[in-house]
N, C-alpha and C. Protein backbone atom coordinates (compact mmCIF):
# COMPACT_ATOMS: atom_id res chain seq x y z
N MET A 1 -18.90 -4.32 9.86
CA MET A 1 -18.08 -3.95 9.68
C MET A 1 -19.23 -2.41 8.70
N MET A 2 -20.48 -2.73 8.62
CA MET A 2 -20.72 -1.71 7.48
C MET A 2 -21.43 -1.00 9.23
N HIS A 3 -20.98 -0.58 10.15
CA HIS A 3 -21.52 0.11 11.41
C HIS A 3 -22.40 1.40 10.39
N ASP A 4 -21.60 2.03 10.24
CA ASP A 4 -21.49 3.45 9.63
C ASP A 4 -22.89 3.17 8.87
N VAL A 5 -23.49 2.47 7.91
CA VAL A 5 -24.02 2.42 7.16
C VAL A 5 -25.72 1.76 8.49
N VAL A 6 -25.30 1.40 9.07
CA VAL A 6 -26.39 0.97 10.03
C VAL A 6 -26.83 2.41 11.26
N GLN A 7 -25.96 3.26 11.38
CA GLN A 7 -25.76 4.16 11.90
C GLN A 7 -26.75 5.18 11.00
N GLU A 8 -26.49 4.94 10.10
CA GLU A 8 -26.70 6.31 9.31
C GLU A 8 -28.77 5.83 8.84
N VAL A 9 -29.28 4.46 9.13
CA VAL A 9 -30.62 4.23 8.91
C VAL A 9 -31.17 4.41 10.39
N LEU A 10 -30.60 3.93 11.29
CA LEU A 10 -31.00 4.31 12.69
C LEU A 10 -31.22 5.40 12.96
N GLN A 11 -30.48 6.78 12.28
CA GLN A 11 -30.54 8.22 13.01
C GLN A 11 -31.89 8.38 11.82
N GLN A 12 -32.14 8.13 10.72
CA GLN A 12 -32.75 8.42 9.75
C GLN A 12 -34.47 7.91 10.40
N LEU A 13 -34.37 6.74 11.35
CA LEU A 13 -35.72 6.14 12.34
C LEU A 13 -36.16 6.64 13.05
N LYS A 14 -34.66 7.66 13.54
CA LYS A 14 -35.36 8.29 14.71
C LYS A 14 -35.96 9.38 15.14
N THR A 15 -35.95 9.85 13.50
CA THR A 15 -36.47 11.68 13.08
C THR A 15 -38.27 10.99 13.42
N PRO A 16 -38.79 12.13 13.90
CA PRO A 16 -40.54 11.35 14.33
C PRO A 16 -41.46 11.36 12.68
N GLY A 17 -41.99 10.73 12.46
CA GLY A 17 -42.99 10.64 11.29
C GLY A 17 -42.07 9.71 10.20
N LYS A 18 -41.28 9.88 10.51
CA LYS A 18 -40.07 8.68 9.48
C LYS A 18 -40.61 7.54 9.22
N ARG A 19 -40.72 7.27 7.71
CA ARG A 19 -40.96 5.59 7.65
C ARG A 19 -40.16 4.86 7.30
N VAL A 20 -40.11 3.63 7.84
CA VAL A 20 -39.01 2.63 7.08
C VAL A 20 -39.06 2.74 5.25
N GLU A 21 -40.29 3.21 4.37
CA GLU A 21 -39.75 2.72 3.35
C GLU A 21 -39.21 4.41 2.43
N ASP A 22 -39.33 5.37 3.83
CA ASP A 22 -38.53 6.31 3.23
C ASP A 22 -37.03 6.78 4.07
N VAL A 23 -36.75 5.06 4.52
CA VAL A 23 -35.42 5.92 4.86
C VAL A 23 -34.31 5.54 3.43
N THR A 24 -33.21 6.44 3.00
CA THR A 24 -32.44 6.32 2.44
C THR A 24 -30.84 6.20 2.77
N ILE A 25 -30.02 5.23 2.41
CA ILE A 25 -28.54 5.22 2.42
C ILE A 25 -27.65 6.35 1.05
N ASP A 26 -26.93 6.78 2.09
CA ASP A 26 -26.11 7.66 0.67
C ASP A 26 -25.88 6.85 -0.39
N THR A 27 -25.49 7.07 -0.88
CA THR A 27 -24.86 6.56 -2.38
C THR A 27 -23.94 7.35 -3.08
N THR A 28 -23.96 8.66 -2.73
CA THR A 28 -22.70 9.54 -3.55
C THR A 28 -21.79 9.16 -2.91
N LEU A 29 -20.59 9.38 -4.73
CA LEU A 29 -19.47 9.02 -4.93
C LEU A 29 -18.55 9.18 -3.56
N GLY A 30 -18.60 10.25 -2.74
CA GLY A 30 -17.23 10.35 -1.96
C GLY A 30 -18.19 9.71 -0.67
N VAL A 31 -19.32 9.01 -0.54
CA VAL A 31 -19.64 8.69 0.98
C VAL A 31 -18.83 7.67 0.84
N LEU A 32 -19.37 6.83 -0.51
CA LEU A 32 -18.99 5.28 -0.55
C LEU A 32 -17.35 4.91 -0.87
N ARG A 33 -16.69 6.26 -1.76
CA ARG A 33 -15.52 5.79 -1.82
C ARG A 33 -15.01 5.90 0.05
N ASP A 34 -15.07 6.42 1.00
CA ASP A 34 -14.85 6.61 2.18
C ASP A 34 -15.19 5.37 2.80
N ARG A 35 -16.35 5.24 2.69
CA ARG A 35 -17.11 4.07 3.62
C ARG A 35 -16.20 2.65 2.85
N THR A 36 -16.32 2.97 1.02
CA THR A 36 -15.14 1.78 1.34
C THR A 36 -13.88 1.45 1.49
N VAL A 37 -13.17 2.37 1.78
CA VAL A 37 -11.67 2.57 2.09
C VAL A 37 -11.40 2.04 3.48
N LYS A 38 -12.29 2.80 4.08
CA LYS A 38 -12.83 2.09 5.99
C LYS A 38 -13.34 0.36 5.80
N TRP A 39 -13.65 0.26 5.21
CA TRP A 39 -14.25 -1.29 5.27
C TRP A 39 -13.20 -2.37 4.70
N MET A 40 -12.84 -1.83 3.74
CA MET A 40 -10.86 -2.63 3.49
C MET A 40 -10.07 -2.15 3.95
N TRP A 41 -9.84 -1.53 4.80
CA TRP A 41 -9.34 -1.42 6.09
C TRP A 41 -9.58 -2.12 7.28
N LYS A 42 -10.37 -2.55 7.29
CA LYS A 42 -11.16 -3.36 8.90
C LYS A 42 -10.83 -4.64 8.68
N ALA A 43 -11.83 -5.04 7.05
CA ALA A 43 -11.27 -6.24 6.54
C ALA A 43 -9.82 -6.52 6.94
N PHE A 44 -8.76 -5.96 6.39
CA PHE A 44 -7.25 -6.32 6.38
C PHE A 44 -7.07 -6.67 8.01
N ALA A 45 -7.86 -5.11 8.36
CA ALA A 45 -6.82 -5.34 9.96
C ALA A 45 -7.55 -7.00 10.31
N ASN A 46 -8.65 -7.56 9.98
CA ASN A 46 -9.33 -8.47 11.09
C ASN A 46 -9.00 -9.75 9.89
N LEU A 47 -8.32 -9.89 8.68
CA LEU A 47 -8.05 -11.01 8.34
C LEU A 47 -6.36 -11.01 7.92
N ASN A 48 -5.52 -10.18 8.33
CA ASN A 48 -3.86 -10.24 8.68
C ASN A 48 -3.80 -10.77 9.77
N LYS A 49 -3.79 -11.90 9.98
CA LYS A 49 -3.10 -12.48 11.12
C LYS A 49 -2.84 -13.98 11.01
N PRO A 50 -1.67 -13.87 11.28
CA PRO A 50 -1.08 -15.78 11.18
C PRO A 50 -2.17 -17.16 10.91
N GLU A 51 -3.11 -16.99 12.10
CA GLU A 51 -3.63 -18.02 12.67
C GLU A 51 -4.60 -18.02 11.62
N ILE A 52 -5.18 -17.06 11.20
CA ILE A 52 -5.87 -17.24 10.32
C ILE A 52 -6.05 -17.46 8.38
N VAL A 53 -5.03 -16.83 8.11
CA VAL A 53 -3.81 -17.50 7.10
C VAL A 53 -3.52 -18.57 7.36
N LYS A 54 -3.33 -19.09 8.40
CA LYS A 54 -2.25 -20.71 8.16
C LYS A 54 -4.04 -21.47 8.01
N LYS A 55 -5.16 -21.69 8.78
CA LYS A 55 -6.46 -22.09 8.86
C LYS A 55 -7.06 -21.93 7.35
N VAL A 56 -6.65 -21.30 6.31
CA VAL A 56 -6.96 -21.24 4.91
C VAL A 56 -5.99 -22.19 4.47
N TYR A 57 -4.64 -22.61 4.60
CA TYR A 57 -3.89 -23.40 4.06
C TYR A 57 -3.99 -24.42 4.62
N HIS A 58 -4.51 -24.60 6.26
CA HIS A 58 -3.72 -26.20 6.78
C HIS A 58 -4.79 -27.02 5.64
N PRO A 59 -4.11 -28.32 5.55
CA PRO A 59 -4.47 -29.38 4.89
C PRO A 59 -5.78 -29.72 5.20
N SER A 60 -6.26 -29.54 6.64
CA SER A 60 -7.67 -30.60 7.16
C SER A 60 -8.73 -29.77 6.62
N SER A 61 -8.33 -28.25 6.26
CA SER A 61 -9.41 -27.59 5.56
C SER A 61 -9.76 -27.71 4.14
N LEU A 62 -8.86 -28.81 3.62
CA LEU A 62 -9.21 -28.80 1.60
C LEU A 62 -9.66 -29.88 1.68
N GLN A 63 -10.62 -30.28 0.23
CA GLN A 63 -11.01 -31.45 0.00
C GLN A 63 -10.06 -32.21 -0.58
N GLN A 64 -10.39 -33.60 -0.75
CA GLN A 64 -9.08 -34.52 -1.31
C GLN A 64 -9.45 -33.90 -2.39
N ASN A 65 -8.19 -34.50 -3.32
CA ASN A 65 -7.77 -33.83 -4.21
C ASN A 65 -7.34 -32.24 -5.10
N GLN A 66 -7.80 -31.02 -3.39
CA GLN A 66 -8.36 -29.26 -3.90
C GLN A 66 -6.56 -29.28 -3.22
N PHE A 67 -6.04 -28.65 -3.87
CA PHE A 67 -5.13 -27.62 -3.23
C PHE A 67 -4.94 -26.20 -3.35
N PRO A 68 -4.21 -25.66 -2.49
CA PRO A 68 -4.59 -23.95 -2.62
C PRO A 68 -3.82 -23.51 -3.93
N GLN A 69 -4.33 -22.48 -4.77
CA GLN A 69 -3.46 -22.00 -5.62
C GLN A 69 -2.49 -21.03 -5.46
N HIS A 70 -0.82 -21.47 -5.91
CA HIS A 70 -0.54 -20.28 -6.36
C HIS A 70 -0.03 -19.05 -6.81
N ARG A 71 -0.12 -18.11 -6.30
CA ARG A 71 -0.82 -16.06 -7.20
C ARG A 71 -0.43 -16.45 -8.33
N HIS A 72 0.00 -17.16 -8.51
CA HIS A 72 0.09 -17.49 -10.30
C HIS A 72 -0.30 -18.12 -10.89
N GLY A 73 -1.42 -18.96 -10.23
CA GLY A 73 -2.16 -20.33 -10.87
C GLY A 73 -2.04 -21.46 -10.66
N GLN A 74 -0.68 -21.71 -10.46
CA GLN A 74 -0.73 -22.54 -10.33
C GLN A 74 -0.77 -23.55 -8.96
N CYS A 75 -1.17 -24.81 -9.21
CA CYS A 75 -1.47 -25.67 -7.99
C CYS A 75 -0.31 -25.70 -6.87
N VAL A 76 -0.49 -25.73 -6.00
CA VAL A 76 0.30 -26.11 -4.67
C VAL A 76 0.38 -27.18 -4.18
N SER A 77 1.31 -28.09 -3.76
CA SER A 77 1.07 -29.57 -3.65
C SER A 77 0.97 -29.65 -2.07
N PRO A 78 0.66 -30.20 -0.95
CA PRO A 78 0.16 -30.51 0.18
C PRO A 78 1.57 -30.28 1.03
N ALA A 79 3.27 -30.87 0.20
CA ALA A 79 3.84 -30.27 0.97
C ALA A 79 4.34 -28.84 0.90
N SER A 80 3.98 -28.38 -0.13
CA SER A 80 3.95 -27.58 -0.31
C SER A 80 3.38 -26.07 1.25
N SER A 81 2.18 -26.63 0.89
CA SER A 81 0.85 -25.87 1.57
C SER A 81 1.80 -25.79 3.31
N ILE A 82 1.74 -27.14 3.30
CA ILE A 82 3.21 -27.27 4.42
C ILE A 82 3.92 -26.05 4.46
N CYS A 83 4.86 -26.23 4.08
CA CYS A 83 5.84 -24.85 3.82
C CYS A 83 5.08 -23.86 4.16
N LEU A 84 3.90 -23.41 3.38
CA LEU A 84 3.30 -21.84 3.54
C LEU A 84 2.88 -21.56 4.81
N MET A 85 2.09 -22.83 5.31
CA MET A 85 1.69 -22.08 6.72
C MET A 85 2.76 -22.61 7.99
N THR A 86 3.69 -22.36 7.90
CA THR A 86 4.59 -22.61 8.40
C THR A 86 6.41 -21.34 8.61
N ALA A 87 5.61 -20.74 7.26
CA ALA A 87 6.17 -19.56 6.94
C ALA A 87 5.74 -18.18 7.22
């Protein structure tokens, strides 16, 4: 996801005479703002898939006596977890 940061560092390292110690990453507000939006969008696009969400709520992925939390902080029972998986 941080492809843009890697490219920035690699570009600097290609500069003749540039030492690793002299490599800097642009941390100005505008650049970080733009990159953060891109990173968040990529994360959303990669994780917003039913098969991934269902893995999170699958009973086999939970330890004994551990239930997923409802968005309001209430515990979700195993039966409700199954409902979430099929929704």
